[in-house]
Amino acid sequence: MFIQPWDAALDDAEWQTWIADGHDFGLLSVNGLPGQAPIVVPTHFTVDGQTLLVHLARPNPAWKTIEADPNVTFTVTSDYAFIPGPWRAKPGIPPTDGVPTSYYAAVQFTCQATIVDDPADKAVLLRRQMAHFQPDGDHAPIDPDQPPYGRMLPGIRGLRLDVTEVRAKFKYDDHKPVEQRTDTARRLTERGQGLDAPTATQQLRRLDRTGSWKV
C-alpha cells in the first residue's frame, strides 16, 4: 500500500481508535501455492493485544497455503467515497479540469499466522470473539463438551495472527487547502450516498488535527 506523507496515520492511537470504532471486518490475504494466485478471504476478526483472532471453515482453501507459508496480510478498509473532479478543481480553472480521486481509510497488518486446532483452544478463541461481537453474552456456552458449539468445533479451524507490522492510511486530501477540504466534506454530507457521511466525518476529524499541511 503506497502512502503519501500527508495520508499517513498521525500516530498509532489514530488507527487503533479507528479499528476499535466498529471496523472489525477485513480481508485475509495469503500467498498462493506455486503457480497459483494468492487467496483472499473476507472475514470478521477480533483484536487480542498484538494478535488478531480469526476462525474459518475447515474446507477453506486458505489452510493449505497458510500451512506452507504463515506470512499473511490482513487489510481493513472503510469510510471511502469517490470524489468527483469538479469538487477538487483549483480556483480559476474550469471545474471540468478538476482531477477526481478516492477517499478512504485503510489499515494493513502484516502477520505471522498460527493455526489453532485443539478443541479447547478453539473454544477459548471463539469465546474471545463472542465477547467482542455479542458482549451481552446472549449465546450458549462455548465448550468442546457441550452442545451446540461442541459438535460444531470440528468444522472450523482458528487462526492467531501475530502482528509484526502495521501500515495505516487516511487518504482525505490533507495536503489541499483547508477551505477546499471543508467544502468537500459539506458536499459529501449533502450527497449522502453510501459511506459519504462517515467519509466526511473522517475528513473533518483529520482537518481538525492537521489544519494546513506543512511540508
N, C-alpha and C. Protein backbone atom coordinates (compact mmCIF):
# COMPACT_ATOMS: atom_id res chain seq x y z
N MET A 1 0.85 -1.18 0.00
CA MET A 1 0.00 0.00 0.00
C MET A 1 0.89 1.24 0.00
N PHE A 2 0.75 2.07 -1.02
CA PHE A 2 1.53 3.29 -1.12
C PHE A 2 0.91 4.38 -0.24
N ILE A 3 1.74 5.04 0.55
CA ILE A 3 1.24 6.06 1.49
C ILE A 3 2.02 7.35 1.30
N GLN A 4 1.33 8.39 0.85
CA GLN A 4 1.95 9.72 0.80
C GLN A 4 2.12 10.25 2.23
N PRO A 5 3.09 11.14 2.46
CA PRO A 5 3.30 11.65 3.82
C PRO A 5 2.03 12.24 4.44
N TRP A 6 1.21 12.93 3.63
CA TRP A 6 0.02 13.58 4.18
C TRP A 6 -1.14 12.59 4.40
N ASP A 7 -0.98 11.36 3.91
CA ASP A 7 -2.02 10.35 4.12
C ASP A 7 -1.70 9.42 5.28
N ALA A 8 -0.51 9.53 5.85
CA ALA A 8 -0.09 8.60 6.89
C ALA A 8 -0.86 8.84 8.19
N ALA A 9 -0.98 7.80 8.99
CA ALA A 9 -1.59 7.96 10.32
C ALA A 9 -0.77 8.96 11.13
N LEU A 10 -1.45 9.79 11.87
CA LEU A 10 -0.77 10.82 12.65
C LEU A 10 -0.06 10.23 13.86
N ASP A 11 -0.57 9.09 14.33
CA ASP A 11 0.07 8.35 15.42
C ASP A 11 -0.62 6.99 15.50
N ASP A 12 -0.08 6.11 16.34
CA ASP A 12 -0.68 4.77 16.47
C ASP A 12 -2.09 4.84 17.03
N ALA A 13 -2.34 5.80 17.90
CA ALA A 13 -3.67 5.90 18.50
C ALA A 13 -4.74 6.15 17.45
N GLU A 14 -4.38 6.83 16.35
CA GLU A 14 -5.38 7.13 15.33
C GLU A 14 -5.93 5.86 14.71
N TRP A 15 -5.04 4.98 14.24
CA TRP A 15 -5.55 3.76 13.60
C TRP A 15 -6.13 2.80 14.62
N GLN A 16 -5.58 2.78 15.83
CA GLN A 16 -6.12 1.89 16.86
C GLN A 16 -7.54 2.29 17.23
N THR A 17 -7.78 3.60 17.35
CA THR A 17 -9.12 4.09 17.66
C THR A 17 -10.07 3.78 16.51
N TRP A 18 -9.60 3.95 15.27
CA TRP A 18 -10.43 3.68 14.10
C TRP A 18 -10.83 2.21 14.04
N ILE A 19 -9.90 1.31 14.29
CA ILE A 19 -10.21 -0.12 14.31
C ILE A 19 -11.22 -0.42 15.41
N ALA A 20 -11.00 0.13 16.59
CA ALA A 20 -11.89 -0.14 17.73
C ALA A 20 -13.29 0.42 17.52
N ASP A 21 -13.42 1.39 16.63
CA ASP A 21 -14.71 2.04 16.40
C ASP A 21 -15.56 1.25 15.39
N GLY A 22 -15.63 -0.06 15.58
CA GLY A 22 -16.51 -0.88 14.77
C GLY A 22 -15.95 -1.35 13.45
N HIS A 23 -14.66 -1.14 13.19
CA HIS A 23 -14.06 -1.62 11.94
C HIS A 23 -13.41 -2.98 12.22
N ASP A 24 -14.23 -4.01 12.22
CA ASP A 24 -13.79 -5.35 12.63
C ASP A 24 -14.08 -6.40 11.55
N PHE A 25 -14.05 -5.97 10.30
CA PHE A 25 -14.23 -6.88 9.17
C PHE A 25 -13.19 -6.52 8.12
N GLY A 26 -12.50 -7.54 7.59
CA GLY A 26 -11.45 -7.24 6.63
C GLY A 26 -11.17 -8.40 5.70
N LEU A 27 -10.03 -8.31 5.03
CA LEU A 27 -9.61 -9.30 4.04
C LEU A 27 -8.31 -9.94 4.47
N LEU A 28 -8.34 -11.25 4.65
CA LEU A 28 -7.15 -12.03 4.93
C LEU A 28 -6.53 -12.46 3.61
N SER A 29 -5.28 -12.07 3.36
CA SER A 29 -4.60 -12.40 2.12
C SER A 29 -3.45 -13.35 2.42
N VAL A 30 -3.44 -14.49 1.74
CA VAL A 30 -2.40 -15.49 1.96
C VAL A 30 -1.72 -15.80 0.63
N ASN A 31 -0.45 -16.13 0.69
CA ASN A 31 0.30 -16.43 -0.52
C ASN A 31 -0.22 -17.71 -1.16
N GLY A 32 -0.34 -17.70 -2.48
CA GLY A 32 -0.78 -18.88 -3.18
C GLY A 32 0.32 -19.93 -3.25
N LEU A 33 -0.09 -21.18 -3.47
CA LEU A 33 0.88 -22.24 -3.70
C LEU A 33 1.58 -21.97 -5.03
N PRO A 34 2.72 -22.57 -5.29
CA PRO A 34 3.44 -22.32 -6.55
C PRO A 34 2.52 -22.46 -7.77
N GLY A 35 2.54 -21.43 -8.60
CA GLY A 35 1.73 -21.45 -9.80
C GLY A 35 0.29 -21.03 -9.60
N GLN A 36 -0.07 -20.66 -8.36
CA GLN A 36 -1.45 -20.26 -8.06
C GLN A 36 -1.48 -18.81 -7.58
N ALA A 37 -2.61 -18.17 -7.81
CA ALA A 37 -2.80 -16.80 -7.34
C ALA A 37 -2.98 -16.79 -5.82
N PRO A 38 -2.70 -15.66 -5.17
CA PRO A 38 -2.98 -15.53 -3.74
C PRO A 38 -4.47 -15.76 -3.45
N ILE A 39 -4.75 -16.18 -2.24
CA ILE A 39 -6.13 -16.39 -1.80
C ILE A 39 -6.51 -15.25 -0.87
N VAL A 40 -7.69 -14.67 -1.06
CA VAL A 40 -8.17 -13.56 -0.24
C VAL A 40 -9.50 -13.97 0.39
N VAL A 41 -9.58 -13.88 1.71
CA VAL A 41 -10.75 -14.35 2.44
C VAL A 41 -11.37 -13.19 3.22
N PRO A 42 -12.62 -12.82 2.94
CA PRO A 42 -13.30 -11.80 3.75
C PRO A 42 -13.78 -12.42 5.07
N THR A 43 -13.53 -11.74 6.18
CA THR A 43 -13.91 -12.31 7.47
C THR A 43 -13.92 -11.26 8.57
N HIS A 44 -14.72 -11.51 9.60
CA HIS A 44 -14.63 -10.71 10.82
C HIS A 44 -13.36 -11.11 11.58
N PHE A 45 -12.92 -10.24 12.47
CA PHE A 45 -11.76 -10.53 13.30
C PHE A 45 -11.93 -9.83 14.64
N THR A 46 -11.14 -10.26 15.60
CA THR A 46 -11.12 -9.66 16.93
C THR A 46 -9.68 -9.32 17.29
N VAL A 47 -9.47 -8.17 17.90
CA VAL A 47 -8.13 -7.77 18.35
C VAL A 47 -7.90 -8.29 19.76
N ASP A 48 -6.78 -8.98 19.95
CA ASP A 48 -6.41 -9.51 21.26
C ASP A 48 -4.97 -9.10 21.53
N GLY A 49 -4.80 -7.90 22.06
CA GLY A 49 -3.44 -7.38 22.27
C GLY A 49 -2.76 -7.11 20.95
N GLN A 50 -1.64 -7.78 20.68
CA GLN A 50 -0.90 -7.64 19.43
C GLN A 50 -1.26 -8.75 18.45
N THR A 51 -2.41 -9.38 18.65
CA THR A 51 -2.82 -10.51 17.83
C THR A 51 -4.24 -10.31 17.31
N LEU A 52 -4.48 -10.74 16.07
CA LEU A 52 -5.82 -10.77 15.52
C LEU A 52 -6.33 -12.20 15.59
N LEU A 53 -7.58 -12.36 16.00
CA LEU A 53 -8.18 -13.68 16.11
C LEU A 53 -9.20 -13.88 15.00
N VAL A 54 -9.10 -15.00 14.30
CA VAL A 54 -9.97 -15.32 13.17
C VAL A 54 -10.33 -16.80 13.24
N HIS A 55 -11.49 -17.15 12.75
CA HIS A 55 -11.78 -18.57 12.52
C HIS A 55 -12.43 -18.72 11.16
N LEU A 56 -12.12 -19.83 10.49
CA LEU A 56 -12.63 -20.10 9.16
C LEU A 56 -13.11 -21.54 9.08
N ALA A 57 -13.97 -21.81 8.12
CA ALA A 57 -14.45 -23.17 7.91
C ALA A 57 -13.29 -24.09 7.52
N ARG A 58 -13.32 -25.31 8.00
CA ARG A 58 -12.24 -26.26 7.72
C ARG A 58 -12.01 -26.49 6.22
N PRO A 59 -13.07 -26.49 5.36
CA PRO A 59 -12.82 -26.71 3.93
C PRO A 59 -12.19 -25.52 3.20
N ASN A 60 -12.00 -24.39 3.88
CA ASN A 60 -11.46 -23.21 3.20
C ASN A 60 -10.11 -23.52 2.55
N PRO A 61 -9.93 -23.18 1.28
CA PRO A 61 -8.66 -23.48 0.60
C PRO A 61 -7.46 -22.71 1.15
N ALA A 62 -7.72 -21.70 1.99
CA ALA A 62 -6.60 -20.92 2.53
C ALA A 62 -5.69 -21.73 3.44
N TRP A 63 -6.23 -22.81 4.03
CA TRP A 63 -5.44 -23.54 5.02
C TRP A 63 -4.16 -24.13 4.43
N LYS A 64 -4.26 -24.68 3.23
CA LYS A 64 -3.08 -25.30 2.62
C LYS A 64 -1.96 -24.29 2.42
N THR A 65 -2.32 -23.09 1.99
CA THR A 65 -1.29 -22.08 1.75
C THR A 65 -0.73 -21.53 3.05
N ILE A 66 -1.57 -21.41 4.08
CA ILE A 66 -1.08 -20.94 5.38
C ILE A 66 -0.11 -21.97 5.98
N GLU A 67 -0.44 -23.25 5.81
CA GLU A 67 0.46 -24.29 6.31
C GLU A 67 1.81 -24.24 5.59
N ALA A 68 1.79 -23.87 4.30
CA ALA A 68 3.03 -23.79 3.52
C ALA A 68 3.80 -22.51 3.81
N ASP A 69 3.07 -21.42 4.10
CA ASP A 69 3.70 -20.12 4.33
C ASP A 69 2.82 -19.31 5.28
N PRO A 70 3.24 -19.15 6.55
CA PRO A 70 2.41 -18.46 7.53
C PRO A 70 2.47 -16.94 7.46
N ASN A 71 3.20 -16.38 6.48
CA ASN A 71 3.26 -14.92 6.34
C ASN A 71 2.00 -14.45 5.61
N VAL A 72 1.19 -13.66 6.30
CA VAL A 72 -0.09 -13.22 5.73
C VAL A 72 -0.26 -11.72 5.95
N THR A 73 -1.23 -11.18 5.22
CA THR A 73 -1.61 -9.77 5.39
C THR A 73 -3.10 -9.70 5.67
N PHE A 74 -3.48 -8.86 6.61
CA PHE A 74 -4.89 -8.63 6.89
C PHE A 74 -5.18 -7.15 6.67
N THR A 75 -6.18 -6.84 5.84
CA THR A 75 -6.46 -5.47 5.44
C THR A 75 -7.88 -5.08 5.83
N VAL A 76 -8.01 -3.92 6.43
CA VAL A 76 -9.32 -3.36 6.78
C VAL A 76 -9.47 -2.03 6.06
N THR A 77 -10.56 -1.87 5.30
CA THR A 77 -10.81 -0.64 4.54
C THR A 77 -12.24 -0.19 4.75
N SER A 78 -12.44 1.10 4.96
CA SER A 78 -13.80 1.63 5.11
C SER A 78 -13.76 3.16 4.97
N ASP A 79 -14.90 3.79 5.25
CA ASP A 79 -15.02 5.25 5.19
C ASP A 79 -14.48 5.78 3.87
N TYR A 80 -14.97 5.17 2.77
CA TYR A 80 -14.48 5.52 1.43
C TYR A 80 -15.58 6.18 0.61
N ALA A 81 -15.15 6.99 -0.34
CA ALA A 81 -16.08 7.66 -1.25
C ALA A 81 -15.33 8.13 -2.48
N PHE A 82 -16.03 8.16 -3.61
CA PHE A 82 -15.47 8.73 -4.83
C PHE A 82 -15.68 10.24 -4.80
N ILE A 83 -14.62 10.99 -5.11
CA ILE A 83 -14.67 12.45 -5.10
C ILE A 83 -14.59 12.94 -6.54
N PRO A 84 -15.67 13.53 -7.08
CA PRO A 84 -15.68 13.98 -8.48
C PRO A 84 -14.65 15.08 -8.74
N GLY A 85 -14.17 15.14 -9.98
CA GLY A 85 -13.18 16.13 -10.36
C GLY A 85 -13.57 17.57 -10.05
N PRO A 86 -14.81 18.00 -10.37
CA PRO A 86 -15.18 19.40 -10.11
C PRO A 86 -15.03 19.81 -8.64
N TRP A 87 -15.15 18.87 -7.71
CA TRP A 87 -15.01 19.20 -6.30
C TRP A 87 -13.57 19.57 -5.96
N ARG A 88 -12.62 19.12 -6.78
CA ARG A 88 -11.19 19.31 -6.47
C ARG A 88 -10.52 20.31 -7.40
N ALA A 89 -11.30 20.97 -8.25
CA ALA A 89 -10.72 21.92 -9.19
C ALA A 89 -10.09 23.10 -8.45
N LYS A 90 -8.92 23.50 -8.89
CA LYS A 90 -8.26 24.64 -8.27
C LYS A 90 -8.97 25.93 -8.67
N PRO A 91 -8.91 26.96 -7.84
CA PRO A 91 -9.54 28.23 -8.18
C PRO A 91 -9.01 28.77 -9.50
N GLY A 92 -9.92 29.26 -10.33
CA GLY A 92 -9.52 29.88 -11.58
C GLY A 92 -9.42 28.95 -12.75
N ILE A 93 -9.66 27.65 -12.55
CA ILE A 93 -9.65 26.73 -13.69
C ILE A 93 -11.05 26.16 -13.86
N PRO A 94 -11.42 25.70 -15.07
CA PRO A 94 -12.75 25.14 -15.28
C PRO A 94 -12.99 23.94 -14.36
N PRO A 95 -14.16 23.83 -13.74
CA PRO A 95 -14.44 22.69 -12.86
C PRO A 95 -14.20 21.34 -13.53
N THR A 96 -14.45 21.27 -14.85
CA THR A 96 -14.27 20.00 -15.55
C THR A 96 -12.80 19.60 -15.66
N ASP A 97 -11.89 20.52 -15.36
CA ASP A 97 -10.47 20.20 -15.38
C ASP A 97 -9.99 19.63 -14.04
N GLY A 98 -10.88 19.60 -13.06
CA GLY A 98 -10.50 19.02 -11.77
C GLY A 98 -10.26 17.52 -11.90
N VAL A 99 -9.36 16.99 -11.11
CA VAL A 99 -8.98 15.58 -11.17
C VAL A 99 -9.69 14.82 -10.04
N PRO A 100 -10.48 13.80 -10.38
CA PRO A 100 -11.18 13.05 -9.34
C PRO A 100 -10.22 12.17 -8.53
N THR A 101 -10.69 11.69 -7.40
CA THR A 101 -9.88 10.79 -6.58
C THR A 101 -10.79 9.96 -5.70
N SER A 102 -10.19 9.07 -4.93
CA SER A 102 -10.92 8.28 -3.94
C SER A 102 -10.43 8.66 -2.55
N TYR A 103 -11.36 8.79 -1.63
CA TYR A 103 -11.02 8.94 -0.21
C TYR A 103 -11.25 7.58 0.45
N TYR A 104 -10.39 7.24 1.42
CA TYR A 104 -10.62 6.01 2.17
C TYR A 104 -9.66 5.95 3.35
N ALA A 105 -10.03 5.11 4.30
CA ALA A 105 -9.14 4.74 5.40
C ALA A 105 -8.81 3.26 5.24
N ALA A 106 -7.55 2.90 5.48
CA ALA A 106 -7.13 1.50 5.36
C ALA A 106 -6.04 1.22 6.36
N VAL A 107 -6.14 0.06 6.98
CA VAL A 107 -5.09 -0.41 7.89
C VAL A 107 -4.68 -1.80 7.43
N GLN A 108 -3.38 -1.99 7.21
CA GLN A 108 -2.85 -3.29 6.79
C GLN A 108 -1.95 -3.85 7.89
N PHE A 109 -2.27 -5.08 8.29
CA PHE A 109 -1.48 -5.78 9.29
C PHE A 109 -0.65 -6.87 8.60
N THR A 110 0.65 -6.83 8.78
CA THR A 110 1.50 -7.94 8.37
C THR A 110 1.60 -8.88 9.56
N CYS A 111 1.35 -10.16 9.32
CA CYS A 111 1.20 -11.09 10.44
C CYS A 111 1.90 -12.43 10.19
N GLN A 112 2.21 -13.09 11.29
CA GLN A 112 2.61 -14.49 11.29
C GLN A 112 1.42 -15.30 11.80
N ALA A 113 0.97 -16.24 10.99
CA ALA A 113 -0.23 -16.99 11.33
C ALA A 113 0.10 -18.29 12.07
N THR A 114 -0.67 -18.57 13.10
CA THR A 114 -0.60 -19.84 13.82
C THR A 114 -1.97 -20.48 13.79
N ILE A 115 -2.05 -21.69 13.31
CA ILE A 115 -3.32 -22.41 13.20
C ILE A 115 -3.69 -23.00 14.56
N VAL A 116 -4.94 -22.86 14.93
CA VAL A 116 -5.44 -23.38 16.20
C VAL A 116 -6.40 -24.53 15.91
N ASP A 117 -6.01 -25.75 16.31
CA ASP A 117 -6.83 -26.92 16.03
C ASP A 117 -7.32 -27.62 17.29
N ASP A 118 -6.65 -27.41 18.41
CA ASP A 118 -7.08 -28.05 19.65
C ASP A 118 -8.48 -27.57 20.03
N PRO A 119 -9.41 -28.48 20.31
CA PRO A 119 -10.80 -28.07 20.61
C PRO A 119 -10.90 -27.06 21.75
N ALA A 120 -10.15 -27.28 22.82
CA ALA A 120 -10.21 -26.35 23.95
C ALA A 120 -9.68 -24.98 23.56
N ASP A 121 -8.60 -24.96 22.78
CA ASP A 121 -8.03 -23.68 22.35
C ASP A 121 -8.97 -22.96 21.38
N LYS A 122 -9.64 -23.74 20.52
CA LYS A 122 -10.61 -23.11 19.61
C LYS A 122 -11.76 -22.51 20.41
N ALA A 123 -12.18 -23.20 21.46
CA ALA A 123 -13.27 -22.67 22.29
C ALA A 123 -12.86 -21.36 22.94
N VAL A 124 -11.61 -21.28 23.42
CA VAL A 124 -11.12 -20.03 24.02
C VAL A 124 -11.15 -18.91 22.98
N LEU A 125 -10.67 -19.21 21.77
CA LEU A 125 -10.65 -18.21 20.71
C LEU A 125 -12.07 -17.72 20.40
N LEU A 126 -13.00 -18.65 20.29
CA LEU A 126 -14.39 -18.25 19.99
C LEU A 126 -15.00 -17.45 21.12
N ARG A 127 -14.69 -17.81 22.36
CA ARG A 127 -15.23 -17.04 23.49
C ARG A 127 -14.72 -15.60 23.46
N ARG A 128 -13.47 -15.41 23.07
CA ARG A 128 -12.93 -14.05 22.99
C ARG A 128 -13.60 -13.28 21.85
N GLN A 129 -13.86 -13.97 20.74
CA GLN A 129 -14.56 -13.30 19.64
C GLN A 129 -15.99 -12.95 20.05
N MET A 130 -16.67 -13.86 20.71
CA MET A 130 -18.05 -13.60 21.11
C MET A 130 -18.14 -12.50 22.17
N ALA A 131 -17.11 -12.39 22.99
CA ALA A 131 -17.10 -11.30 23.98
C ALA A 131 -17.08 -9.95 23.28
N HIS A 132 -16.50 -9.93 22.08
CA HIS A 132 -16.48 -8.68 21.29
C HIS A 132 -17.77 -8.49 20.53
N PHE A 133 -18.22 -9.52 19.83
CA PHE A 133 -19.36 -9.36 18.93
C PHE A 133 -20.71 -9.51 19.64
N GLN A 134 -20.77 -10.28 20.70
CA GLN A 134 -22.01 -10.41 21.48
C GLN A 134 -21.69 -10.21 22.96
N PRO A 135 -21.32 -8.99 23.32
CA PRO A 135 -20.88 -8.72 24.69
C PRO A 135 -21.95 -8.96 25.75
N ASP A 136 -23.22 -9.01 25.34
CA ASP A 136 -24.29 -9.28 26.31
C ASP A 136 -24.30 -10.74 26.74
N GLY A 137 -23.52 -11.57 26.07
CA GLY A 137 -23.45 -12.97 26.45
C GLY A 137 -24.68 -13.78 26.09
N ASP A 138 -25.45 -13.30 25.10
CA ASP A 138 -26.70 -13.97 24.72
C ASP A 138 -26.43 -15.12 23.75
N HIS A 139 -25.67 -16.09 24.24
CA HIS A 139 -25.37 -17.27 23.43
C HIS A 139 -25.09 -18.44 24.36
N ALA A 140 -25.21 -19.64 23.82
CA ALA A 140 -24.94 -20.84 24.61
C ALA A 140 -23.47 -20.90 25.00
N PRO A 141 -23.16 -21.66 26.04
CA PRO A 141 -21.75 -21.81 26.43
C PRO A 141 -20.93 -22.39 25.28
N ILE A 142 -19.73 -21.84 25.10
CA ILE A 142 -18.83 -22.35 24.06
C ILE A 142 -17.87 -23.31 24.74
N ASP A 143 -18.22 -24.58 24.67
CA ASP A 143 -17.48 -25.62 25.38
C ASP A 143 -17.36 -26.83 24.46
N PRO A 144 -16.17 -27.41 24.35
CA PRO A 144 -16.00 -28.56 23.46
C PRO A 144 -16.88 -29.75 23.82
N ASP A 145 -17.32 -29.80 25.08
CA ASP A 145 -18.09 -30.95 25.54
C ASP A 145 -19.59 -30.69 25.66
N GLN A 146 -20.02 -29.50 25.20
CA GLN A 146 -21.44 -29.16 25.32
C GLN A 146 -22.00 -28.72 23.98
N PRO A 147 -23.27 -29.10 23.72
CA PRO A 147 -23.92 -28.58 22.51
C PRO A 147 -24.33 -27.13 22.74
N PRO A 148 -24.53 -26.34 21.68
CA PRO A 148 -24.39 -26.76 20.28
C PRO A 148 -22.97 -26.60 19.72
N TYR A 149 -22.13 -25.81 20.43
CA TYR A 149 -20.82 -25.50 19.86
C TYR A 149 -19.89 -26.70 19.86
N GLY A 150 -20.01 -27.57 20.85
CA GLY A 150 -19.12 -28.71 20.93
C GLY A 150 -19.12 -29.55 19.68
N ARG A 151 -20.30 -29.79 19.13
CA ARG A 151 -20.36 -30.63 17.93
C ARG A 151 -19.98 -29.88 16.66
N MET A 152 -19.91 -28.53 16.73
CA MET A 152 -19.57 -27.75 15.55
C MET A 152 -18.08 -27.39 15.48
N LEU A 153 -17.38 -27.48 16.60
CA LEU A 153 -15.97 -27.08 16.62
C LEU A 153 -15.11 -27.84 15.61
N PRO A 154 -15.35 -29.13 15.36
CA PRO A 154 -14.52 -29.82 14.36
C PRO A 154 -14.64 -29.22 12.96
N GLY A 155 -15.71 -28.48 12.68
CA GLY A 155 -15.92 -27.92 11.35
C GLY A 155 -15.17 -26.63 11.09
N ILE A 156 -14.45 -26.11 12.10
CA ILE A 156 -13.70 -24.87 11.91
C ILE A 156 -12.26 -25.06 12.38
N ARG A 157 -11.42 -24.12 11.96
CA ARG A 157 -10.07 -24.02 12.49
C ARG A 157 -9.86 -22.56 12.89
N GLY A 158 -9.09 -22.36 13.94
CA GLY A 158 -8.82 -21.00 14.39
C GLY A 158 -7.50 -20.49 13.85
N LEU A 159 -7.36 -19.17 13.87
CA LEU A 159 -6.11 -18.53 13.45
C LEU A 159 -5.74 -17.45 14.45
N ARG A 160 -4.51 -17.51 14.89
CA ARG A 160 -3.93 -16.40 15.66
C ARG A 160 -2.95 -15.70 14.73
N LEU A 161 -3.21 -14.43 14.45
CA LEU A 161 -2.37 -13.65 13.56
C LEU A 161 -1.54 -12.68 14.40
N ASP A 162 -0.30 -13.04 14.65
CA ASP A 162 0.59 -12.19 15.45
C ASP A 162 1.12 -11.06 14.57
N VAL A 163 0.79 -9.83 14.93
CA VAL A 163 1.10 -8.66 14.10
C VAL A 163 2.57 -8.30 14.22
N THR A 164 3.24 -8.21 13.07
CA THR A 164 4.65 -7.81 13.04
C THR A 164 4.84 -6.40 12.49
N GLU A 165 3.85 -5.89 11.75
CA GLU A 165 3.95 -4.53 11.21
C GLU A 165 2.53 -4.02 10.93
N VAL A 166 2.35 -2.72 11.14
CA VAL A 166 1.07 -2.08 10.83
C VAL A 166 1.33 -0.88 9.94
N ARG A 167 0.58 -0.80 8.82
CA ARG A 167 0.66 0.35 7.93
C ARG A 167 -0.74 0.93 7.80
N ALA A 168 -0.90 2.19 8.15
CA ALA A 168 -2.22 2.82 8.16
C ALA A 168 -2.24 4.02 7.23
N LYS A 169 -3.36 4.17 6.53
CA LYS A 169 -3.50 5.26 5.56
C LYS A 169 -4.88 5.90 5.72
N PHE A 170 -4.88 7.23 5.79
CA PHE A 170 -6.12 8.01 5.85
C PHE A 170 -6.06 9.04 4.73
N LYS A 171 -6.64 8.68 3.59
CA LYS A 171 -6.50 9.47 2.37
C LYS A 171 -7.69 10.42 2.23
N TYR A 172 -7.52 11.66 2.70
CA TYR A 172 -8.60 12.64 2.70
C TYR A 172 -8.13 14.02 2.25
N ASP A 173 -7.16 14.05 1.33
CA ASP A 173 -6.70 15.32 0.75
C ASP A 173 -6.13 16.28 1.79
N ASP A 174 -5.41 15.75 2.77
CA ASP A 174 -4.89 16.62 3.83
C ASP A 174 -3.90 17.66 3.32
N HIS A 175 -3.35 17.44 2.11
CA HIS A 175 -2.39 18.41 1.56
C HIS A 175 -3.08 19.54 0.81
N LYS A 176 -4.41 19.46 0.68
CA LYS A 176 -5.17 20.50 -0.02
C LYS A 176 -5.54 21.63 0.96
N PRO A 177 -5.92 22.81 0.42
CA PRO A 177 -6.28 23.93 1.29
C PRO A 177 -7.44 23.58 2.24
N VAL A 178 -7.42 24.21 3.40
CA VAL A 178 -8.46 23.98 4.41
C VAL A 178 -9.84 24.25 3.83
N GLU A 179 -9.97 25.33 3.06
CA GLU A 179 -11.27 25.70 2.51
C GLU A 179 -11.81 24.61 1.58
N GLN A 180 -10.94 24.05 0.78
CA GLN A 180 -11.37 23.01 -0.16
C GLN A 180 -11.82 21.76 0.60
N ARG A 181 -11.06 21.36 1.60
CA ARG A 181 -11.41 20.16 2.36
C ARG A 181 -12.72 20.36 3.11
N THR A 182 -12.91 21.54 3.65
CA THR A 182 -14.18 21.83 4.35
C THR A 182 -15.34 21.76 3.38
N ASP A 183 -15.14 22.31 2.17
CA ASP A 183 -16.20 22.29 1.17
C ASP A 183 -16.49 20.87 0.69
N THR A 184 -15.44 20.06 0.55
CA THR A 184 -15.66 18.68 0.13
C THR A 184 -16.45 17.91 1.18
N ALA A 185 -16.15 18.11 2.44
CA ALA A 185 -16.91 17.45 3.50
C ALA A 185 -18.38 17.87 3.44
N ARG A 186 -18.61 19.15 3.16
CA ARG A 186 -20.00 19.62 3.03
C ARG A 186 -20.70 18.93 1.86
N ARG A 187 -20.01 18.83 0.73
CA ARG A 187 -20.60 18.19 -0.44
C ARG A 187 -20.89 16.71 -0.18
N LEU A 188 -19.98 16.05 0.51
CA LEU A 188 -20.20 14.64 0.85
C LEU A 188 -21.45 14.49 1.72
N THR A 189 -21.59 15.35 2.70
CA THR A 189 -22.75 15.29 3.59
C THR A 189 -24.03 15.53 2.81
N GLU A 190 -24.00 16.48 1.91
CA GLU A 190 -25.19 16.78 1.11
C GLU A 190 -25.52 15.64 0.14
N ARG A 191 -24.49 15.04 -0.45
CA ARG A 191 -24.74 13.94 -1.39
C ARG A 191 -25.34 12.74 -0.67
N GLY A 192 -24.76 12.37 0.45
CA GLY A 192 -25.35 11.37 1.32
C GLY A 192 -25.50 9.98 0.75
N GLN A 193 -24.61 9.56 -0.11
CA GLN A 193 -24.67 8.22 -0.68
C GLN A 193 -23.67 7.30 0.00
N GLY A 194 -23.99 6.02 0.07
CA GLY A 194 -23.03 5.03 0.57
C GLY A 194 -22.39 5.44 1.88
N LEU A 195 -21.06 5.55 1.88
CA LEU A 195 -20.30 5.91 3.08
C LEU A 195 -19.89 7.38 3.07
N ASP A 196 -20.66 8.23 2.35
CA ASP A 196 -20.34 9.66 2.29
C ASP A 196 -20.27 10.29 3.67
N ALA A 197 -21.24 9.98 4.54
CA ALA A 197 -21.28 10.62 5.86
C ALA A 197 -20.06 10.27 6.70
N PRO A 198 -19.71 8.99 6.89
CA PRO A 198 -18.50 8.70 7.66
C PRO A 198 -17.23 9.18 7.00
N THR A 199 -17.22 9.26 5.65
CA THR A 199 -16.06 9.81 4.96
C THR A 199 -15.89 11.28 5.30
N ALA A 200 -16.99 12.03 5.30
CA ALA A 200 -16.94 13.45 5.68
C ALA A 200 -16.47 13.61 7.12
N THR A 201 -16.93 12.72 7.99
CA THR A 201 -16.52 12.76 9.39
C THR A 201 -15.02 12.57 9.52
N GLN A 202 -14.47 11.60 8.77
CA GLN A 202 -13.02 11.38 8.82
C GLN A 202 -12.26 12.58 8.29
N GLN A 203 -12.75 13.17 7.21
CA GLN A 203 -12.05 14.32 6.65
C GLN A 203 -12.03 15.49 7.64
N LEU A 204 -13.15 15.76 8.27
CA LEU A 204 -13.21 16.86 9.23
C LEU A 204 -12.38 16.55 10.48
N ARG A 205 -12.37 15.29 10.89
CA ARG A 205 -11.54 14.91 12.04
C ARG A 205 -10.07 15.16 11.75
N ARG A 206 -9.61 14.74 10.56
CA ARG A 206 -8.22 14.98 10.18
C ARG A 206 -7.93 16.47 10.03
N LEU A 207 -8.89 17.20 9.48
CA LEU A 207 -8.74 18.64 9.31
C LEU A 207 -8.53 19.32 10.65
N ASP A 208 -9.30 18.90 11.66
CA ASP A 208 -9.16 19.49 12.99
C ASP A 208 -7.77 19.25 13.57
N ARG A 209 -7.17 18.14 13.21
CA ARG A 209 -5.86 17.80 13.78
C ARG A 209 -4.70 18.38 12.98
N THR A 210 -4.85 18.43 11.66
CA THR A 210 -3.72 18.83 10.83
C THR A 210 -3.75 20.28 10.41
N GLY A 211 -4.95 20.87 10.27
CA GLY A 211 -5.04 22.23 9.72
C GLY A 211 -4.44 22.26 8.34
N SER A 212 -3.64 23.28 8.04
CA SER A 212 -2.96 23.38 6.76
C SER A 212 -1.74 22.47 6.77
N TRP A 213 -1.60 21.67 5.70
CA TRP A 213 -0.47 20.74 5.63
C TRP A 213 0.84 21.51 5.48
N LYS A 214 1.81 21.11 6.30
CA LYS A 214 3.14 21.76 6.25
C LYS A 214 4.14 20.72 5.80
N VAL A 215 4.88 21.02 4.74
CA VAL A 215 5.88 20.11 4.19
C VAL A 215 7.04 19.95 5.17
